[in-house]
Amino acid sequence: MATYVNNLRLKEITTGDEDGTWGTSTNTNLELITDGFSYGTKQMSADANETFTMPDATADATRGFYLKITSAGALTATREVTLGPNTVSKVWLIENATTGSQIITIKQGSGATVDVANGSKVMVVTDGAGAGAAVLNANPTEAGAGTVTSVGGTGTVNGISLSGTVTTSGNLTLGGALTGVDLTSQVTGTLPVANGGTNLTSLGTAGQALVVNSGGSALEYGSAGVSAGLSIALAMVMGF
């Protein structure tokens, strides 16, 4: 008797079976293997949790690598999508193309699940561990501090040409020399004292001088020069 205990639910012919017809089963298996690298769409039939099960030795979109999940109607809350059987260990790229702007939660058994936001795509892997099967997030990640949201400026940094404004959340470290940047229009923020700046964002009033504050911790604008009384005292001491 044939079995289907592999991760693509292919037909495994028992030795000696299907004499004269094994070629048909083999060709079907080869087609289903290619389906495992393909694109498929499954539709949630109602505003409720849904299970999509990969059938034995039969073509079905659930077997596809890229699985686009749609819905027959608008979802009103987060819904679970269970990928079966729970013994299948496989990688899927899941697209949440449902209507209603809701999250879908991908699960396989009672183990971990992965949420896919509406309109998003997430690569997941199922561990096929049976009743306790888990779904893991397999999206590639990058290490680093901060996120560069736009690239711009004018000049060249280590061979990278920039045009416009450089924007980042977090720390942006550039190696090499940055040239051709207009400091009056293309650079914003304050320059710390430790880096040769004042850490101030505005000018003082006329006649003020840049002085250290009373706590000795920062720069500020204060009165310039000496008072009239001090000037007279100095003149008397000096014999003027």
C-alpha atoms as a PDB file:
ATOM      1  CA  MET A   1       0.000   0.000   0.000  1.00  0.00           C
ATOM      2  CA  ALA A   2       1.295   3.470  -0.910  1.00  0.00           C
ATOM      3  CA  THR A   3       2.101   6.013   1.800  1.00  0.00           C
ATOM      4  CA  TYR A   4       2.220   9.817   1.879  1.00  0.00           C
ATOM      5  CA  VAL A   5       4.358  10.584   4.927  1.00  0.00           C
ATOM      6  CA  ASN A   6       6.738  13.086   3.285  1.00  0.00           C
ATOM      7  CA  ASN A   7       6.692  16.886   3.525  1.00  0.00           C
ATOM      8  CA  LEU A   8       4.996  17.411   0.139  1.00  0.00           C
ATOM      9  CA  ARG A   9       2.514  14.551   0.562  1.00  0.00           C
ATOM     10  CA  LEU A  10       3.879  12.739  -2.486  1.00  0.00           C
ATOM     11  CA  LYS A  11       2.853   9.174  -3.248  1.00  0.00           C
ATOM     12  CA  GLU A  12       5.453   6.664  -2.078  1.00  0.00           C
ATOM     13  CA  ILE A  13       4.842   3.442  -4.004  1.00  0.00           C
ATOM     14  CA  THR A  14       5.310   0.194  -2.146  1.00  0.00           C
ATOM     15  CA  THR A  15       7.954  -2.067  -3.666  1.00  0.00           C
ATOM     16  CA  GLY A  16       6.377  -4.290  -6.323  1.00  0.00           C
ATOM     17  CA  ASP A  17       3.163  -2.229  -6.630  1.00  0.00           C
ATOM     18  CA  GLU A  18       1.745  -0.469  -9.706  1.00  0.00           C
ATOM     19  CA  ASP A  19       3.329  -2.732 -12.264  1.00  0.00           C
ATOM     20  CA  GLY A  20       2.875  -1.001 -15.592  1.00  0.00           C
ATOM     21  CA  THR A  21       1.336   2.146 -14.075  1.00  0.00           C
ATOM     22  CA  TRP A  22       4.077   3.434 -11.757  1.00  0.00           C
ATOM     23  CA  GLY A  23       5.088   5.972 -14.416  1.00  0.00           C
ATOM     24  CA  THR A  24       1.800   7.824 -13.957  1.00  0.00           C
ATOM     25  CA  SER A  25       2.321   8.140 -10.208  1.00  0.00           C
ATOM     26  CA  THR A  26       5.931   9.178 -10.698  1.00  0.00           C
ATOM     27  CA  ASN A  27       4.990  11.910 -13.166  1.00  0.00           C
ATOM     28  CA  THR A  28       2.362  13.201 -10.755  1.00  0.00           C
ATOM     29  CA  ASN A  29       4.970  13.283  -7.998  1.00  0.00           C
ATOM     30  CA  LEU A  30       7.345  15.289 -10.186  1.00  0.00           C
ATOM     31  CA  GLU A  31       4.595  17.801 -10.970  1.00  0.00           C
ATOM     32  CA  LEU A  32       3.764  18.168  -7.285  1.00  0.00           C
ATOM     33  CA  ILE A  33       7.432  18.749  -6.452  1.00  0.00           C
ATOM     34  CA  THR A  34       7.492  21.682  -8.861  1.00  0.00           C
ATOM     35  CA  ASP A  35       4.279  22.965  -7.246  1.00  0.00           C
ATOM     36  CA  GLY A  36       6.253  23.189  -4.012  1.00  0.00           C
ATOM     37  CA  PHE A  37       8.319  25.974  -5.600  1.00  0.00           C
ATOM     38  CA  SER A  38       5.373  27.767  -7.172  1.00  0.00           C
ATOM     39  CA  TYR A  39       2.726  30.423  -6.455  1.00  0.00           C
ATOM     40  CA  GLY A  40      -0.675  29.546  -5.083  1.00  0.00           C
ATOM     41  CA  THR A  41      -3.793  31.294  -3.756  1.00  0.00           C
ATOM     42  CA  LYS A  42      -6.147  30.054  -1.070  1.00  0.00           C
ATOM     43  CA  GLN A  43      -9.326  31.849  -0.052  1.00  0.00           C
ATOM     44  CA  MET A  44     -10.780  32.022   3.437  1.00  0.00           C
ATOM     45  CA  SER A  45     -14.414  31.114   2.888  1.00  0.00           C
ATOM     46  CA  ALA A  46     -15.864  33.056   5.822  1.00  0.00           C
ATOM     47  CA  ASP A  47     -15.076  35.587   8.552  1.00  0.00           C
ATOM     48  CA  ALA A  48     -13.726  32.799  10.744  1.00  0.00           C
ATOM     49  CA  ASN A  49     -10.636  30.682  11.384  1.00  0.00           C
ATOM     50  CA  GLU A  50      -9.662  28.452   8.466  1.00  0.00           C
ATOM     51  CA  THR A  51      -7.579  25.313   7.874  1.00  0.00           C
ATOM     52  CA  PHE A  52      -5.807  24.637   4.600  1.00  0.00           C
ATOM     53  CA  THR A  53      -4.592  21.049   4.338  1.00  0.00           C
ATOM     54  CA  MET A  54      -2.144  19.798   1.736  1.00  0.00           C
ATOM     55  CA  PRO A  55      -3.835  16.737   0.145  1.00  0.00           C
ATOM     56  CA  ASP A  56      -2.117  13.421  -0.598  1.00  0.00           C
ATOM     57  CA  ALA A  57      -0.752  13.148  -4.151  1.00  0.00           C
ATOM     58  CA  THR A  58      -3.172  15.781  -5.472  1.00  0.00           C
ATOM     59  CA  ALA A  59      -2.441  19.248  -6.825  1.00  0.00           C
ATOM     60  CA  ASP A  60      -3.477  22.011  -4.416  1.00  0.00           C
ATOM     61  CA  ALA A  61      -2.385  25.633  -3.957  1.00  0.00           C
ATOM     62  CA  THR A  62      -1.522  24.935  -0.301  1.00  0.00           C
ATOM     63  CA  ARG A  63       1.591  23.140  -1.545  1.00  0.00           C
ATOM     64  CA  GLY A  64       2.948  26.315  -3.192  1.00  0.00           C
ATOM     65  CA  PHE A  65       6.009  28.094  -1.852  1.00  0.00           C
ATOM     66  CA  TYR A  66       4.374  31.529  -2.243  1.00  0.00           C
ATOM     67  CA  LEU A  67       0.944  31.269  -0.683  1.00  0.00           C
ATOM     68  CA  LYS A  68      -1.371  34.233  -1.132  1.00  0.00           C
ATOM     69  CA  ILE A  69      -4.276  34.140   1.281  1.00  0.00           C
ATOM     70  CA  THR A  70      -7.435  36.029   0.345  1.00  0.00           C
ATOM     71  CA  SER A  71     -10.907  36.154   1.864  1.00  0.00           C
ATOM     72  CA  ALA A  72     -14.398  35.805   0.438  1.00  0.00           C
ATOM     73  CA  GLY A  73     -15.526  38.710   2.609  1.00  0.00           C
ATOM     74  CA  ALA A  74     -14.107  41.295   4.963  1.00  0.00           C
ATOM     75  CA  LEU A  75     -12.569  39.931   8.150  1.00  0.00           C
ATOM     76  CA  THR A  76     -13.707  41.681  11.328  1.00  0.00           C
ATOM     77  CA  ALA A  77     -10.999  40.414  13.697  1.00  0.00           C
ATOM     78  CA  THR A  78      -7.690  38.550  13.719  1.00  0.00           C
ATOM     79  CA  ARG A  79      -8.246  35.077  12.249  1.00  0.00           C
ATOM     80  CA  GLU A  80      -6.171  31.919  12.461  1.00  0.00           C
ATOM     81  CA  VAL A  81      -5.036  30.060   9.363  1.00  0.00           C
ATOM     82  CA  THR A  82      -3.874  26.526  10.129  1.00  0.00           C
ATOM     83  CA  LEU A  83      -1.538  24.821   7.657  1.00  0.00           C
ATOM     84  CA  GLY A  84      -1.956  21.062   7.624  1.00  0.00           C
ATOM     85  CA  PRO A  85      -1.186  18.297   8.026  1.00  0.00           C
ATOM     86  CA  ASN A  86       0.634  19.101  11.257  1.00  0.00           C
ATOM     87  CA  THR A  87       3.405  16.656  10.325  1.00  0.00           C
ATOM     88  CA  VAL A  88       4.573  18.671   7.317  1.00  0.00           C
ATOM     89  CA  SER A  89       7.835  20.593   7.749  1.00  0.00           C
ATOM     90  CA  LYS A  90       7.976  23.214   5.027  1.00  0.00           C
ATOM     91  CA  VAL A  91       8.860  26.820   4.163  1.00  0.00           C
ATOM     92  CA  TRP A  92       6.125  29.153   2.955  1.00  0.00           C
ATOM     93  CA  LEU A  93       6.103  32.801   1.944  1.00  0.00           C
ATOM     94  CA  ILE A  94       2.702  33.967   3.164  1.00  0.00           C
ATOM     95  CA  GLU A  95       0.936  37.048   1.795  1.00  0.00           C
ATOM     96  CA  ASN A  96      -2.025  38.430   3.719  1.00  0.00           C
ATOM     97  CA  ALA A  97      -4.253  39.668   0.900  1.00  0.00           C
ATOM     98  CA  THR A  98      -7.497  39.413   2.859  1.00  0.00           C
ATOM     99  CA  THR A  99      -9.978  42.270   3.026  1.00  0.00           C
ATOM    100  CA  GLY A 100     -10.971  44.015   6.239  1.00  0.00           C
ATOM    101  CA  SER A 101      -7.469  45.164   7.270  1.00  0.00           C
ATOM    102  CA  GLN A 102      -7.061  42.343   9.804  1.00  0.00           C
ATOM    103  CA  ILE A 103      -4.083  40.256  10.917  1.00  0.00           C
ATOM    104  CA  ILE A 104      -4.008  36.560  10.077  1.00  0.00           C
ATOM    105  CA  THR A 105      -2.220  34.229  12.489  1.00  0.00           C
ATOM    106  CA  ILE A 106      -0.435  31.302  10.866  1.00  0.00           C
ATOM    107  CA  LYS A 107      -0.418  28.136  12.959  1.00  0.00           C
ATOM    108  CA  GLN A 108       0.083  24.378  12.563  1.00  0.00           C
ATOM    109  CA  GLY A 109      -0.390  22.849  16.008  1.00  0.00           C
ATOM    110  CA  SER A 110      -0.491  24.055  19.584  1.00  0.00           C
ATOM    111  CA  GLY A 111       3.024  25.537  19.339  1.00  0.00           C
ATOM    112  CA  ALA A 112       4.230  28.978  18.325  1.00  0.00           C
ATOM    113  CA  THR A 113       2.392  31.026  15.724  1.00  0.00           C
ATOM    114  CA  VAL A 114       3.316  33.894  13.402  1.00  0.00           C
ATOM    115  CA  ASP A 115       1.182  36.975  12.738  1.00  0.00           C
ATOM    116  CA  VAL A 116       1.019  38.407   9.236  1.00  0.00           C
ATOM    117  CA  ALA A 117      -0.288  41.958   9.034  1.00  0.00           C
ATOM    118  CA  ASN A 118      -2.760  42.837   6.329  1.00  0.00           C
ATOM    119  CA  GLY A 119      -0.947  43.632   3.100  1.00  0.00           C
ATOM    120  CA  SER A 120       2.315  42.140   4.381  1.00  0.00           C
ATOM    121  CA  LYS A 121       4.391  39.128   3.353  1.00  0.00           C
ATOM    122  CA  VAL A 122       6.189  36.913   5.872  1.00  0.00           C
ATOM    123  CA  MET A 123       8.374  33.868   5.300  1.00  0.00           C
ATOM    124  CA  VAL A 124       7.509  31.111   7.763  1.00  0.00           C
ATOM    125  CA  VAL A 125       8.635  27.563   8.444  1.00  0.00           C
ATOM    126  CA  THR A 126       6.492  24.847  10.000  1.00  0.00           C
ATOM    127  CA  ASP A 127       8.323  22.280  12.132  1.00  0.00           C
ATOM    128  CA  GLY A 128       5.861  19.427  11.464  1.00  0.00           C
ATOM    129  CA  ALA A 129       6.031  18.228  15.078  1.00  0.00           C
ATOM    130  CA  GLY A 130       2.482  16.891  15.153  1.00  0.00           C
ATOM    131  CA  ALA A 131      -0.088  18.079  17.665  1.00  0.00           C
ATOM    132  CA  GLY A 132       2.412  20.508  19.218  1.00  0.00           C
ATOM    133  CA  ALA A 133       3.694  21.765  15.868  1.00  0.00           C
ATOM    134  CA  ALA A 134       4.991  25.330  15.718  1.00  0.00           C
ATOM    135  CA  VAL A 135       5.309  28.002  13.054  1.00  0.00           C
ATOM    136  CA  LEU A 136       8.488  30.070  13.074  1.00  0.00           C
ATOM    137  CA  ASN A 137       9.253  33.408  11.456  1.00  0.00           C
ATOM    138  CA  ALA A 138      11.942  32.820   8.832  1.00  0.00           C
ATOM    139  CA  ASN A 139      12.188  36.379   7.494  1.00  0.00           C
ATOM    140  CA  PRO A 140      15.810  37.421   6.831  1.00  0.00           C
ATOM    141  CA  THR A 141      17.012  40.025   9.334  1.00  0.00           C
ATOM    142  CA  GLU A 142      19.859  42.508   9.445  1.00  0.00           C
ATOM    143  CA  ALA A 143      21.884  43.486  12.489  1.00  0.00           C
ATOM    144  CA  GLY A 144      22.606  47.138  13.153  1.00  0.00           C
ATOM    145  CA  ALA A 145      21.566  50.174  15.152  1.00  0.00           C
ATOM    146  CA  GLY A 146      19.016  52.574  13.722  1.00  0.00           C
ATOM    147  CA  THR A 147      17.073  52.468  10.488  1.00  0.00           C
ATOM    148  CA  VAL A 148      17.952  54.562   7.456  1.00  0.00           C
ATOM    149  CA  THR A 149      14.654  55.810   6.080  1.00  0.00           C
ATOM    150  CA  SER A 150      15.979  57.954   3.237  1.00  0.00           C
ATOM    151  CA  VAL A 151      19.294  58.614   1.546  1.00  0.00           C
ATOM    152  CA  GLY A 152      20.321  61.989   0.216  1.00  0.00           C
ATOM    153  CA  GLY A 153      22.769  64.890   0.548  1.00  0.00           C
ATOM    154  CA  THR A 154      25.276  65.966  -2.085  1.00  0.00           C
ATOM    155  CA  GLY A 155      28.734  64.440  -2.303  1.00  0.00           C
ATOM    156  CA  THR A 156      30.512  61.103  -2.182  1.00  0.00           C
ATOM    157  CA  VAL A 157      31.219  58.816   0.796  1.00  0.00           C
ATOM    158  CA  ASN A 158      33.495  55.860   0.090  1.00  0.00           C
ATOM    159  CA  GLY A 159      32.294  55.813  -3.484  1.00  0.00           C
ATOM    160  CA  ILE A 160      28.597  56.193  -2.570  1.00  0.00           C
ATOM    161  CA  SER A 161      27.004  59.211  -4.250  1.00  0.00           C
ATOM    162  CA  LEU A 162      24.322  61.035  -2.279  1.00  0.00           C
ATOM    163  CA  SER A 163      21.752  63.546  -3.502  1.00  0.00           C
ATOM    164  CA  GLY A 164      19.057  65.097  -1.348  1.00  0.00           C
ATOM    165  CA  THR A 165      18.802  64.642   2.431  1.00  0.00           C
ATOM    166  CA  VAL A 166      20.158  61.841   4.628  1.00  0.00           C
ATOM    167  CA  THR A 167      17.586  60.838   7.236  1.00  0.00           C
ATOM    168  CA  THR A 168      18.061  58.196   9.905  1.00  0.00           C
ATOM    169  CA  SER A 169      16.500  57.022  13.160  1.00  0.00           C
ATOM    170  CA  GLY A 170      19.402  56.024  15.364  1.00  0.00           C
ATOM    171  CA  ASN A 171      23.098  56.521  14.673  1.00  0.00           C
ATOM    172  CA  LEU A 172      24.372  56.884  11.118  1.00  0.00           C
ATOM    173  CA  THR A 173      28.111  56.331  10.743  1.00  0.00           C
ATOM    174  CA  LEU A 174      29.801  57.238   7.469  1.00  0.00           C
ATOM    175  CA  GLY A 175      33.381  56.316   6.661  1.00  0.00           C
ATOM    176  CA  GLY A 176      35.576  58.369   4.354  1.00  0.00           C
ATOM    177  CA  ALA A 177      35.065  62.028   3.431  1.00  0.00           C
ATOM    178  CA  LEU A 178      31.695  63.687   2.813  1.00  0.00           C
ATOM    179  CA  THR A 179      32.096  66.638   0.449  1.00  0.00           C
ATOM    180  CA  GLY A 180      29.852  69.125  -1.286  1.00  0.00           C
ATOM    181  CA  VAL A 181      27.284  69.330   1.527  1.00  0.00           C
ATOM    182  CA  ASP A 182      25.766  72.765   2.222  1.00  0.00           C
ATOM    183  CA  LEU A 183      25.891  73.092   6.013  1.00  0.00           C
ATOM    184  CA  THR A 184      23.285  75.875   6.004  1.00  0.00           C
ATOM    185  CA  SER A 185      20.576  73.997   4.135  1.00  0.00           C
ATOM    186  CA  GLN A 186      21.380  70.275   4.132  1.00  0.00           C
ATOM    187  CA  VAL A 187      22.453  69.638   7.730  1.00  0.00           C
ATOM    188  CA  THR A 188      20.071  69.913  10.704  1.00  0.00           C
ATOM    189  CA  GLY A 189      20.385  69.368  14.455  1.00  0.00           C
ATOM    190  CA  THR A 190      23.041  70.522  16.922  1.00  0.00           C
ATOM    191  CA  LEU A 191      26.730  69.724  17.176  1.00  0.00           C
ATOM    192  CA  PRO A 192      27.763  68.625  20.707  1.00  0.00           C
ATOM    193  CA  VAL A 193      30.528  70.475  22.547  1.00  0.00           C
ATOM    194  CA  ALA A 194      32.554  67.257  22.587  1.00  0.00           C
ATOM    195  CA  ASN A 195      32.591  67.343  18.786  1.00  0.00           C
ATOM    196  CA  GLY A 196      33.623  70.979  18.522  1.00  0.00           C
ATOM    197  CA  GLY A 197      30.165  72.544  18.563  1.00  0.00           C
ATOM    198  CA  THR A 198      28.116  74.585  21.028  1.00  0.00           C
ATOM    199  CA  ASN A 199      25.063  72.308  21.382  1.00  0.00           C
ATOM    200  CA  LEU A 200      22.963  75.474  20.972  1.00  0.00           C
ATOM    201  CA  THR A 201      20.190  75.966  18.449  1.00  0.00           C
ATOM    202  CA  SER A 202      19.962  79.778  18.359  1.00  0.00           C
ATOM    203  CA  LEU A 203      21.962  82.990  18.782  1.00  0.00           C
ATOM    204  CA  GLY A 204      21.920  85.164  21.894  1.00  0.00           C
ATOM    205  CA  THR A 205      21.040  88.855  21.874  1.00  0.00           C
ATOM    206  CA  ALA A 206      23.288  91.748  20.855  1.00  0.00           C
ATOM    207  CA  GLY A 207      26.224  92.281  23.176  1.00  0.00           C
ATOM    208  CA  GLN A 208      26.084  88.846  24.761  1.00  0.00           C
ATOM    209  CA  ALA A 209      29.029  86.450  24.883  1.00  0.00           C
ATOM    210  CA  LEU A 210      29.271  82.670  24.813  1.00  0.00           C
ATOM    211  CA  VAL A 211      30.094  81.547  28.369  1.00  0.00           C
ATOM    212  CA  VAL A 212      30.100  78.387  30.465  1.00  0.00           C
ATOM    213  CA  ASN A 213      27.000  78.066  32.658  1.00  0.00           C
ATOM    214  CA  SER A 214      27.156  78.220  36.454  1.00  0.00           C
ATOM    215  CA  GLY A 215      27.164  74.438  36.712  1.00  0.00           C
ATOM    216  CA  GLY A 216      30.105  74.109  34.372  1.00  0.00           C
ATOM    217  CA  SER A 217      28.165  71.637  32.269  1.00  0.00           C
ATOM    218  CA  ALA A 218      27.196  73.512  29.115  1.00  0.00           C
ATOM    219  CA  LEU A 219      27.607  76.657  27.093  1.00  0.00           C
ATOM    220  CA  GLU A 220      25.143  79.541  27.195  1.00  0.00           C
ATOM    221  CA  TYR A 221      24.858  83.203  26.225  1.00  0.00           C
ATOM    222  CA  GLY A 222      25.614  85.734  29.003  1.00  0.00           C
ATOM    223  CA  SER A 223      26.678  89.337  29.567  1.00  0.00           C
ATOM    224  CA  ALA A 224      29.863  90.389  27.758  1.00  0.00           C
ATOM    225  CA  GLY A 225      32.715  92.536  29.192  1.00  0.00           C
ATOM    226  CA  VAL A 226      33.011  94.016  32.729  1.00  0.00           C
ATOM    227  CA  SER A 227      30.687  96.308  34.668  1.00  0.00           C
ATOM    228  CA  ALA A 228      31.245 100.100  35.008  1.00  0.00           C
ATOM    229  CA  GLY A 229      32.113  99.774  38.710  1.00  0.00           C
ATOM    230  CA  LEU A 230      34.686  97.097  38.020  1.00  0.00           C
ATOM    231  CA  SER A 231      36.174  99.224  35.248  1.00  0.00           C
ATOM    232  CA  ILE A 232      36.646 102.190  37.682  1.00  0.00           C
ATOM    233  CA  ALA A 233      38.204  99.927  40.318  1.00  0.00           C
ATOM    234  CA  LEU A 234      40.651  98.504  37.807  1.00  0.00           C
ATOM    235  CA  ALA A 235      41.558 101.986  36.629  1.00  0.00           C
ATOM    236  CA  MET A 236      42.330 103.113  40.188  1.00  0.00           C
ATOM    237  CA  VAL A 237      44.470 100.056  40.865  1.00  0.00           C
ATOM    238  CA  MET A 238      46.348 100.417  37.644  1.00  0.00           C
ATOM    239  CA  GLY A 239      46.832 104.174  38.166  1.00  0.00           C
ATOM    240  CA  PHE A 240      44.857 105.253  35.126  1.00  0.00           C
END
